[in-house]
Amino acid sequence: MLQHGNGTGRGGVSRRRFLTATAGAGAAAAAPALLTGCGTASAKGGTLKFWNFYGPQDSPDPAVNAQSKWYVDMVDKWNATHKTRIELVYLPQPTYLNGFKVPSAFATGDGPDIFMLSPGDFLRYYNGGVLADLTPHLGKGVVEDYGTALDSRRVGNKVYALPMEVEPLAIFYSVDAFEKAHLSEADIPTTWDQLLDVGDKLRTRTRAGLVFETNPGYYQNFTWYPFMWQGGGDVLDKNGDVAFDSKATRQALQLWQDAVKHGIAPRTLPAAGDVISGFKGGNVAMWQQGIWNVSSFKAYAPKFRYGVFKLPLPPGGKYVTGLGGWSFCANAKGRNPEAAAEFCAWALGSDRRDSVDRMVDWCIRAKSDVAPRQSALKRGNAEGGYKSPVMTQFKDEIFPGGRAEPRYPPVVYKAISDAVQGVMLAGRSVDSEASRAAESIAAYTKSYKGASLV
């Protein structure tokens, strides 16, 4: 019998349900690359607006309600103990993630006082001058407690965003699909060749053997990067020079092209991208996804037998996975930047126990994530949040060795996205797409002015 997990925590909405269409892990790529006209929204004081996409609490979805309640409880506690009040403003998920609403609001000087941000869009907002420095408000030892989780959210020694979660990528698989194909634990792939071979054995007329993200966006790039990193490749080297046109890049592009070309991976997502429905409906055998789906399985398919395994490696490769996750940020040009920054630090960056407990509750109860602060991870582990087989795998096997999602601006993201889409779905030459993307990135970086891209 294959090892499988039924999840832990109190359920959580699949990140794939959030990151649809063209946006992915950040705000829409089509939105303005720079934020201009970012004036003060109004006089300081009054109620601060906190834009987010978790809620409201009237959803038929129990996972949405659990996550929304976490936000409501947090803001209620702040409002009961502070003079400056916070008001939650819920934007529909597609509007927040795929539309022009958020960047356009900042561009007209009417951005939210507090908002959620992914690493993929960090530089858009930092270079636009709208991220408040949170460092003065952080508790003693908090920066050290976060460790490398802050690397993509800081410039120099200043912290501009506080992550609430870390979300590693892995391959999810159906235990029943493996068993029906007469495959065992010994057949779980550890190399790219094995991944394609097993995917070929698992596929049927109605079931995809393996699913990679097909929609262009920050999210697709995020899921593709680890395959490039495993071969020692990168978009930019440590000095910021373009390194995209490399053997590692080409072999990662080739992997995704081969998976689609040979019918192992589909050209469009099963079940319209709904991971749980895709697995339950028997439409997919393996799907590259993240830890957030553990809570989704718990909420929507508690009896479904699934397992996870680390991303397989290319010849001579070294294990790396992608680490995603959202952060709290304060608007430096909002109604009361000091109070907004204080709130972010109070919520996620205080040395008080309730701040740590809040993160624990999010990562092991409202959702299923790795806690970005070591103290929260330790406490969550002690409270049994990582005791299930699948969460233990994520914490002890999949998460270590992971690398944070890069913070490339839209122009760099788009060049990479075009290359992935070109080879994967349009059948274009791997060599020509790698070269074209590298030239586009090089042209952009020559005139780029802003915080470090690496």
Protein backbone atom coordinates (compact mmCIF):
# COMPACT_ATOMS: atom_id res chain seq x y z
CA MET A 1 0.00 0.00 0.00
CA LEU A 2 1.30 3.42 -0.93
CA GLN A 3 1.77 5.97 1.80
CA HIS A 4 -0.86 8.65 1.63
CA GLY A 5 -2.06 11.63 3.61
CA ASN A 6 -5.45 13.03 4.43
CA GLY A 7 -4.18 16.46 5.37
CA THR A 8 -4.26 18.44 8.56
CA GLY A 9 -5.47 21.80 9.79
CA ARG A 10 -8.99 23.09 9.29
CA GLY A 11 -9.03 23.18 5.53
CA GLY A 12 -7.99 25.84 3.07
CA VAL A 13 -8.90 27.04 -0.37
CA SER A 14 -6.59 25.81 -3.12
CA ARG A 15 -4.10 28.47 -4.13
CA ARG A 16 -4.90 27.44 -7.70
CA ARG A 17 -8.41 28.79 -7.17
CA PHE A 18 -6.87 32.15 -6.32
CA LEU A 19 -4.15 32.19 -8.95
CA THR A 20 -6.13 31.78 -12.12
CA ALA A 21 -5.90 33.16 -15.62
CA THR A 22 -2.96 35.48 -16.22
CA ALA A 23 -1.93 36.72 -12.81
CA GLY A 24 -0.49 33.87 -10.82
CA ALA A 25 1.47 34.53 -7.70
CA GLY A 26 1.21 38.31 -7.88
CA ALA A 27 -0.94 41.09 -9.21
CA ALA A 28 -1.75 41.08 -12.89
CA ALA A 29 1.26 41.19 -15.16
CA ALA A 30 -0.64 43.41 -17.54
CA ALA A 31 -0.96 46.10 -14.90
CA PRO A 32 1.39 49.10 -14.93
CA ALA A 33 5.00 48.18 -14.24
CA LEU A 34 5.56 51.31 -12.17
CA LEU A 35 3.24 53.10 -9.79
CA THR A 36 3.02 56.82 -10.42
CA GLY A 37 1.01 59.61 -8.89
CA CYS A 38 1.07 57.94 -5.48
CA GLY A 39 -0.09 60.85 -3.39
CA THR A 40 -1.44 60.75 0.13
CA ALA A 41 -4.91 59.22 0.09
CA SER A 42 -6.32 61.53 2.75
CA ALA A 43 -5.47 63.30 5.95
CA LYS A 44 -3.75 61.16 8.56
CA GLY A 45 -5.88 59.45 11.14
CA GLY A 46 -9.30 57.88 10.93
CA THR A 47 -9.97 54.31 9.85
CA LEU A 48 -7.35 52.43 7.87
CA LYS A 49 -8.41 50.20 5.00
CA PHE A 50 -6.95 46.68 4.76
CA TRP A 51 -7.48 45.19 1.31
CA ASN A 52 -7.40 41.40 1.04
CA PHE A 53 -9.11 38.52 -0.76
CA TYR A 54 -10.02 36.28 2.21
CA GLY A 55 -13.72 36.61 2.86
CA PRO A 56 -16.31 37.68 3.66
CA GLN A 57 -17.71 35.17 6.15
CA ASP A 58 -20.89 34.26 4.29
CA SER A 59 -19.42 31.70 1.91
CA PRO A 60 -20.82 28.18 1.51
CA ASP A 61 -17.15 27.17 1.48
CA PRO A 62 -16.06 26.24 5.04
CA ALA A 63 -12.41 26.83 4.23
CA VAL A 64 -13.07 30.40 3.08
CA ASN A 65 -15.01 31.03 6.27
CA ALA A 66 -12.21 29.68 8.46
CA GLN A 67 -9.64 31.91 6.78
CA SER A 68 -11.91 34.92 6.79
CA LYS A 69 -12.57 34.42 10.50
CA TRP A 70 -8.82 34.55 11.13
CA TYR A 71 -8.74 38.01 9.56
CA VAL A 72 -11.84 39.18 11.40
CA ASP A 73 -10.56 37.98 14.77
CA MET A 74 -7.20 39.66 14.19
CA VAL A 75 -8.71 43.03 13.27
CA ASP A 76 -11.26 42.85 16.09
CA LYS A 77 -8.46 42.34 18.61
CA TRP A 78 -6.50 45.29 17.20
CA ASN A 79 -9.55 47.55 17.22
CA ALA A 80 -10.29 46.66 20.84
CA THR A 81 -6.83 47.73 21.99
CA HIS A 82 -5.80 50.59 19.64
CA LYS A 83 -7.12 54.06 18.91
CA THR A 84 -6.60 53.83 15.14
CA ARG A 85 -9.14 51.41 13.72
CA ILE A 86 -8.69 48.92 10.88
CA GLU A 87 -11.45 48.08 8.40
CA LEU A 88 -11.27 44.92 6.28
CA VAL A 89 -12.06 45.53 2.63
CA TYR A 90 -12.62 42.32 0.68
CA LEU A 91 -11.92 42.33 -3.02
CA PRO A 92 -13.08 39.38 -5.12
CA GLN A 93 -10.16 37.09 -5.73
CA PRO A 94 -9.99 37.63 -9.53
CA THR A 95 -10.17 41.40 -9.00
CA TYR A 96 -7.33 41.40 -6.47
CA LEU A 97 -5.12 39.00 -8.36
CA ASN A 98 -5.91 39.42 -12.04
CA GLY A 99 -7.34 42.89 -12.45
CA PHE A 100 -6.14 46.46 -12.46
CA LYS A 101 -7.89 47.43 -9.23
CA VAL A 102 -4.94 47.34 -6.81
CA PRO A 103 -2.16 48.90 -8.95
CA SER A 104 -4.60 51.42 -10.40
CA ALA A 105 -5.66 52.50 -6.92
CA PHE A 106 -2.04 53.18 -6.00
CA ALA A 107 -1.42 54.98 -9.29
CA THR A 108 -4.25 57.42 -8.52
CA GLY A 109 -3.16 57.98 -4.92
CA ASP A 110 -6.06 56.04 -3.45
CA GLY A 111 -4.35 52.78 -2.55
CA PRO A 112 -5.20 50.75 0.57
CA ASP A 113 -3.43 51.55 3.83
CA ILE A 114 -2.60 47.87 4.40
CA PHE A 115 -2.53 45.21 1.72
CA MET A 116 -1.29 41.76 0.79
CA LEU A 117 1.66 41.31 -1.54
CA SER A 118 3.53 38.39 -3.10
CA PRO A 119 7.29 38.33 -3.77
CA GLY A 120 6.61 38.37 -7.50
CA ASP A 121 5.21 41.89 -7.28
CA PHE A 122 7.45 43.27 -4.52
CA LEU A 123 9.61 45.44 -6.78
CA ARG A 124 6.64 46.97 -8.59
CA TYR A 125 5.50 48.48 -5.31
CA TYR A 126 8.89 49.10 -3.71
CA ASN A 127 10.21 50.92 -6.77
CA GLY A 128 6.95 52.85 -6.89
CA GLY A 129 7.70 54.22 -3.43
CA VAL A 130 4.58 52.92 -1.72
CA LEU A 131 6.03 50.37 0.71
CA ALA A 132 6.53 51.63 4.26
CA ASP A 133 9.59 50.54 6.23
CA LEU A 134 8.38 48.09 8.86
CA THR A 135 11.75 47.63 10.57
CA PRO A 136 11.34 50.21 13.38
CA HIS A 137 8.14 48.51 14.51
CA LEU A 138 9.42 44.92 14.66
CA GLY A 139 9.89 43.19 17.98
CA LYS A 140 13.29 42.28 19.37
CA GLY A 141 14.78 39.28 17.61
CA VAL A 142 11.96 39.06 15.04
CA VAL A 143 14.20 39.59 12.00
CA GLU A 144 16.39 36.72 13.17
CA ASP A 145 13.27 34.65 13.90
CA TYR A 146 12.14 35.07 10.29
CA GLY A 147 15.63 34.34 8.94
CA THR A 148 15.84 33.86 5.16
CA ALA A 149 12.06 34.16 4.80
CA LEU A 150 12.60 37.94 4.66
CA ASP A 151 15.23 37.87 1.91
CA SER A 152 12.85 38.76 -0.91
CA ARG A 153 11.00 41.33 1.22
CA ARG A 154 13.86 43.58 2.26
CA VAL A 155 16.16 46.12 0.69
CA GLY A 156 19.42 46.52 2.53
CA ASN A 157 18.66 46.14 6.22
CA LYS A 158 15.10 47.40 5.95
CA VAL A 159 12.04 45.13 5.91
CA TYR A 160 9.10 46.21 3.74
CA ALA A 161 6.81 43.16 3.92
CA LEU A 162 6.10 40.51 6.55
CA PRO A 163 5.26 37.00 5.28
CA MET A 164 2.41 35.15 6.91
CA GLU A 165 3.23 31.77 5.35
CA VAL A 166 5.73 29.75 3.35
CA GLU A 167 4.33 27.48 0.64
CA PRO A 168 6.63 24.80 -0.82
CA LEU A 169 5.92 23.04 -4.11
CA ALA A 170 5.81 19.26 -4.57
CA ILE A 171 4.10 16.64 -6.73
CA PHE A 172 0.73 15.41 -5.48
CA TYR A 173 -0.43 11.99 -6.70
CA SER A 174 -3.47 9.74 -6.54
CA VAL A 175 -2.84 6.52 -4.62
CA ASP A 176 -5.69 4.79 -6.46
CA ALA A 177 -4.27 5.80 -9.85
CA PHE A 178 -0.88 4.34 -8.89
CA GLU A 179 -2.41 1.10 -7.66
CA LYS A 180 -4.62 0.66 -10.73
CA ALA A 181 -1.51 1.10 -12.90
CA HIS A 182 0.24 -1.57 -10.78
CA LEU A 183 2.75 0.94 -9.46
CA SER A 184 4.13 0.95 -5.93
CA GLU A 185 6.15 3.24 -3.66
CA ALA A 186 9.26 1.99 -5.43
CA ASP A 187 7.94 3.66 -8.61
CA ILE A 188 7.67 7.16 -7.14
CA PRO A 189 9.85 9.23 -9.51
CA THR A 190 13.14 10.70 -8.35
CA THR A 191 14.41 11.78 -11.80
CA TRP A 192 12.85 13.69 -14.69
CA ASP A 193 13.01 10.64 -16.95
CA GLN A 194 11.18 8.60 -14.34
CA LEU A 195 8.61 11.38 -13.92
CA LEU A 196 7.77 11.26 -17.62
CA ASP A 197 7.85 7.45 -17.70
CA VAL A 198 5.50 7.09 -14.72
CA GLY A 199 3.26 9.85 -16.08
CA ASP A 200 3.04 7.94 -19.36
CA LYS A 201 2.00 4.78 -17.52
CA LEU A 202 -0.62 6.64 -15.50
CA ARG A 203 -2.33 8.49 -18.31
CA THR A 204 -5.53 7.27 -19.90
CA ARG A 205 -7.99 8.68 -22.40
CA THR A 206 -9.69 10.64 -19.61
CA ARG A 207 -6.86 11.07 -17.11
CA ALA A 208 -3.74 13.23 -17.37
CA GLY A 209 -0.60 11.44 -16.22
CA LEU A 210 1.05 14.65 -15.01
CA VAL A 211 -0.09 18.25 -14.78
CA PHE A 212 2.11 21.34 -15.02
CA GLU A 213 0.54 24.80 -14.87
CA THR A 214 -0.58 25.87 -18.36
CA ASN A 215 -1.95 29.38 -17.81
CA PRO A 216 0.61 32.16 -18.33
CA GLY A 217 1.32 34.27 -15.26
CA TYR A 218 3.52 34.78 -12.24
CA TYR A 219 2.19 31.52 -10.83
CA GLN A 220 3.25 29.45 -13.83
CA ASN A 221 6.72 30.99 -13.71
CA PHE A 222 6.87 30.24 -9.98
CA THR A 223 6.14 26.55 -10.64
CA TRP A 224 8.67 26.34 -13.49
CA TYR A 225 11.65 28.03 -11.77
CA PRO A 226 12.61 25.01 -9.59
CA PHE A 227 13.27 22.87 -12.65
CA MET A 228 15.71 25.48 -13.94
CA TRP A 229 17.30 25.92 -10.50
CA GLN A 230 17.81 22.17 -10.06
CA GLY A 231 20.18 22.16 -13.03
CA GLY A 232 22.16 25.07 -11.61
CA GLY A 233 20.53 27.68 -13.83
CA ASP A 234 19.05 31.07 -13.04
CA VAL A 235 17.52 34.12 -14.64
CA LEU A 236 20.17 36.43 -13.22
CA ASP A 237 23.43 35.47 -11.54
CA LYS A 238 24.45 36.72 -8.10
CA ASN A 239 25.90 39.87 -9.68
CA GLY A 240 22.66 40.65 -11.48
CA ASP A 241 23.95 39.70 -14.92
CA VAL A 242 21.62 37.82 -17.28
CA ALA A 243 22.18 34.06 -17.05
CA PHE A 244 18.93 32.77 -18.53
CA ASP A 245 20.29 31.31 -21.77
CA SER A 246 21.93 28.25 -20.25
CA LYS A 247 21.90 24.46 -20.41
CA ALA A 248 19.84 24.34 -17.22
CA THR A 249 17.22 26.68 -18.66
CA ARG A 250 17.00 24.78 -21.93
CA GLN A 251 16.62 21.39 -20.27
CA ALA A 252 13.89 22.73 -17.96
CA LEU A 253 12.02 24.15 -20.96
CA GLN A 254 12.56 20.86 -22.79
CA LEU A 255 11.04 18.89 -19.91
CA TRP A 256 7.80 20.84 -20.04
CA GLN A 257 7.71 20.69 -23.83
CA ASP A 258 8.26 16.93 -23.86
CA ALA A 259 5.54 16.36 -21.26
CA VAL A 260 2.97 18.10 -23.46
CA LYS A 261 4.34 16.92 -26.80
CA HIS A 262 4.06 13.26 -25.80
CA GLY A 263 0.60 13.63 -24.30
CA ILE A 264 1.70 13.04 -20.71
CA ALA A 265 0.71 16.53 -19.55
CA PRO A 266 -2.42 18.28 -20.90
CA ARG A 267 -2.49 21.58 -22.77
CA THR A 268 -5.28 22.86 -20.52
CA LEU A 269 -5.84 22.24 -16.82
CA PRO A 270 -8.16 19.41 -15.76
CA ALA A 271 -11.34 20.44 -13.93
CA ALA A 272 -10.69 24.05 -14.95
CA GLY A 273 -7.75 24.15 -12.55
CA ASP A 274 -9.65 22.88 -9.49
CA VAL A 275 -7.09 20.49 -8.02
CA ILE A 276 -9.39 18.64 -5.64
CA SER A 277 -12.11 18.12 -8.24
CA GLY A 278 -9.52 17.00 -10.76
CA PHE A 279 -8.20 14.30 -8.46
CA LYS A 280 -11.60 13.23 -7.12
CA GLY A 281 -13.01 13.01 -10.64
CA GLY A 282 -10.18 10.77 -11.77
CA ASN A 283 -8.98 13.31 -14.32
CA VAL A 284 -5.40 13.54 -13.06
CA ALA A 285 -2.82 11.16 -11.58
CA MET A 286 0.01 13.60 -10.64
CA TRP A 287 -0.08 17.38 -10.31
CA GLN A 288 2.67 19.80 -9.35
CA GLN A 289 1.10 21.81 -6.54
CA GLY A 290 1.84 23.26 -3.11
CA ILE A 291 1.31 22.65 0.57
CA TRP A 292 -1.84 24.79 0.62
CA ASN A 293 -3.71 21.87 -0.96
CA VAL A 294 -3.30 19.75 2.16
CA SER A 295 -6.00 21.83 3.85
CA SER A 296 -8.04 21.73 0.65
CA PHE A 297 -8.07 17.95 0.66
CA LYS A 298 -9.01 18.06 4.35
CA ALA A 299 -11.99 20.31 3.61
CA TYR A 300 -13.24 18.89 0.32
CA ALA A 301 -12.04 15.28 0.11
CA PRO A 302 -11.11 13.99 3.57
CA LYS A 303 -11.32 10.35 2.45
CA PHE A 304 -9.41 10.76 -0.80
CA ARG A 305 -6.14 8.84 -0.77
CA TYR A 306 -3.25 10.95 -2.01
CA GLY A 307 0.45 11.34 -1.43
CA VAL A 308 3.19 13.84 -2.18
CA PHE A 309 6.82 13.58 -3.23
CA LYS A 310 9.74 15.93 -3.80
CA LEU A 311 10.30 17.41 -7.24
CA PRO A 312 12.41 14.91 -9.22
CA LEU A 313 15.89 15.87 -10.47
CA PRO A 314 17.65 16.19 -13.82
CA PRO A 315 20.91 14.29 -14.41
CA GLY A 316 23.50 15.67 -12.00
CA GLY A 317 20.94 18.05 -10.51
CA LYS A 318 20.52 19.28 -6.97
CA TYR A 319 17.18 19.38 -5.18
CA VAL A 320 15.44 22.76 -5.04
CA THR A 321 11.78 23.62 -4.72
CA GLY A 322 9.95 26.92 -4.90
CA LEU A 323 8.73 28.66 -1.74
CA GLY A 324 5.77 30.98 -2.21
CA GLY A 325 3.61 32.89 0.23
CA TRP A 326 1.86 36.22 0.83
CA SER A 327 2.88 39.13 3.05
CA PHE A 328 1.38 42.11 4.87
CA CYS A 329 2.51 45.56 3.68
CA ALA A 330 1.79 49.15 4.71
CA ASN A 331 1.22 52.02 2.29
CA ALA A 332 3.93 54.64 2.79
CA LYS A 333 1.65 57.28 1.25
CA GLY A 334 -1.61 56.27 2.89
CA ARG A 335 -3.77 57.81 5.59
CA ASN A 336 -1.49 56.95 8.48
CA PRO A 337 1.65 55.05 7.40
CA GLU A 338 3.00 54.77 10.94
CA ALA A 339 -0.15 53.14 12.27
CA ALA A 340 -0.40 50.87 9.22
CA ALA A 341 3.20 49.74 9.70
CA GLU A 342 2.58 49.26 13.41
CA PHE A 343 -0.39 47.03 12.61
CA CYS A 344 1.62 44.80 10.25
CA ALA A 345 4.32 44.37 12.90
CA TRP A 346 1.77 43.80 15.65
CA ALA A 347 0.01 41.15 13.58
CA LEU A 348 3.01 39.16 12.31
CA GLY A 349 6.23 40.71 13.60
CA SER A 350 5.87 41.20 17.33
CA ASP A 351 7.89 39.42 20.01
CA ARG A 352 4.65 38.92 21.94
CA ARG A 353 3.22 35.43 22.24
CA ASP A 354 -0.10 36.37 20.63
CA SER A 355 1.70 37.43 17.43
CA VAL A 356 3.40 34.05 17.21
CA ASP A 357 0.17 32.25 18.08
CA ARG A 358 -1.62 34.14 15.31
CA MET A 359 0.84 32.82 12.76
CA VAL A 360 0.53 29.31 14.17
CA ASP A 361 -3.25 29.48 13.85
CA TRP A 362 -2.99 30.58 10.22
CA CYS A 363 -0.45 27.96 9.18
CA ILE A 364 -1.85 24.85 10.89
CA ARG A 365 -5.54 25.58 11.46
CA ALA A 366 -6.99 28.11 9.01
CA LYS A 367 -4.65 26.84 6.27
CA SER A 368 -1.83 24.34 5.81
CA ASP A 369 1.51 26.12 5.42
CA VAL A 370 5.01 26.16 6.80
CA ALA A 371 5.30 28.98 9.33
CA PRO A 372 7.93 31.54 8.23
CA ARG A 373 9.04 32.34 11.79
CA GLN A 374 11.07 29.65 13.54
CA SER A 375 9.25 30.23 16.83
CA ALA A 376 5.88 29.72 15.12
CA LEU A 377 7.09 26.64 13.26
CA LYS A 378 8.38 25.15 16.51
CA ARG A 379 5.15 25.93 18.37
CA GLY A 380 2.99 24.64 15.52
CA ASN A 381 4.95 21.42 15.48
CA ALA A 382 4.56 21.04 19.26
CA GLU A 383 0.80 21.53 18.87
CA GLY A 384 0.61 18.68 16.34
CA GLY A 385 0.16 20.78 13.23
CA TYR A 386 2.77 18.81 11.31
CA LYS A 387 2.14 15.33 12.70
CA SER A 388 0.24 13.89 9.72
CA PRO A 389 2.43 11.99 7.23
CA VAL A 390 1.95 14.53 4.45
CA MET A 391 2.66 17.58 6.63
CA THR A 392 5.68 15.86 8.10
CA GLN A 393 6.94 15.30 4.56
CA PHE A 394 6.47 18.93 3.67
CA LYS A 395 8.19 20.19 6.81
CA ASP A 396 11.08 17.73 6.98
CA GLU A 397 11.72 16.67 3.36
CA ILE A 398 10.19 19.09 0.87
CA PHE A 399 10.62 22.48 2.56
CA PRO A 400 14.37 22.18 3.40
CA GLY A 401 16.47 23.26 0.45
CA GLY A 402 13.68 25.41 -0.93
CA ARG A 403 14.21 28.80 -2.54
CA ALA A 404 11.98 31.85 -2.25
CA GLU A 405 9.93 33.00 -5.20
CA PRO A 406 11.94 35.65 -7.10
CA ARG A 407 10.89 39.28 -7.17
CA TYR A 408 11.31 40.02 -10.88
CA PRO A 409 9.49 43.04 -12.35
CA PRO A 410 6.77 42.49 -14.98
CA VAL A 411 9.08 42.91 -18.00
CA VAL A 412 11.42 40.16 -16.77
CA TYR A 413 8.51 37.95 -15.77
CA LYS A 414 6.90 38.38 -19.20
CA ALA A 415 10.03 37.38 -21.12
CA ILE A 416 10.25 34.16 -19.11
CA SER A 417 6.53 33.50 -19.40
CA ASP A 418 6.64 33.90 -23.16
CA ALA A 419 9.46 31.38 -23.35
CA VAL A 420 7.62 28.82 -21.22
CA GLN A 421 4.39 29.28 -23.15
CA GLY A 422 6.20 29.21 -26.48
CA VAL A 423 7.92 25.88 -25.96
CA MET A 424 5.17 24.22 -23.91
CA LEU A 425 2.08 25.06 -25.93
CA ALA A 426 3.25 26.51 -29.24
CA GLY A 427 5.97 23.94 -29.89
CA ARG A 428 8.65 26.55 -30.54
CA SER A 429 12.36 25.85 -30.45
CA VAL A 430 13.80 25.62 -26.94
CA ASP A 431 17.08 27.19 -28.05
CA SER A 432 15.43 30.13 -29.81
CA GLU A 433 13.03 30.84 -26.93
CA ALA A 434 15.79 30.73 -24.31
CA SER A 435 17.93 33.06 -26.42
CA ARG A 436 15.08 35.47 -27.19
CA ALA A 437 14.06 35.72 -23.52
CA ALA A 438 17.66 36.31 -22.43
CA GLU A 439 18.04 39.13 -24.96
CA SER A 440 14.80 40.75 -23.77
CA ILE A 441 15.85 40.55 -20.13
CA ALA A 442 19.32 41.93 -20.93
CA ALA A 443 17.82 44.90 -22.80
CA TYR A 444 15.60 45.70 -19.82
CA THR A 445 18.27 45.35 -17.13
CA LYS A 446 20.59 47.77 -18.97
CA SER A 447 18.23 50.65 -18.19
CA TYR A 448 16.67 49.30 -15.00
CA LYS A 449 16.77 51.59 -11.98
CA GLY A 450 15.51 50.31 -8.68
CA ALA A 451 16.20 47.83 -5.89
CA SER A 452 18.31 44.79 -6.63
CA LEU A 453 16.63 42.19 -8.80
CA VAL A 454 18.41 39.35 -6.97
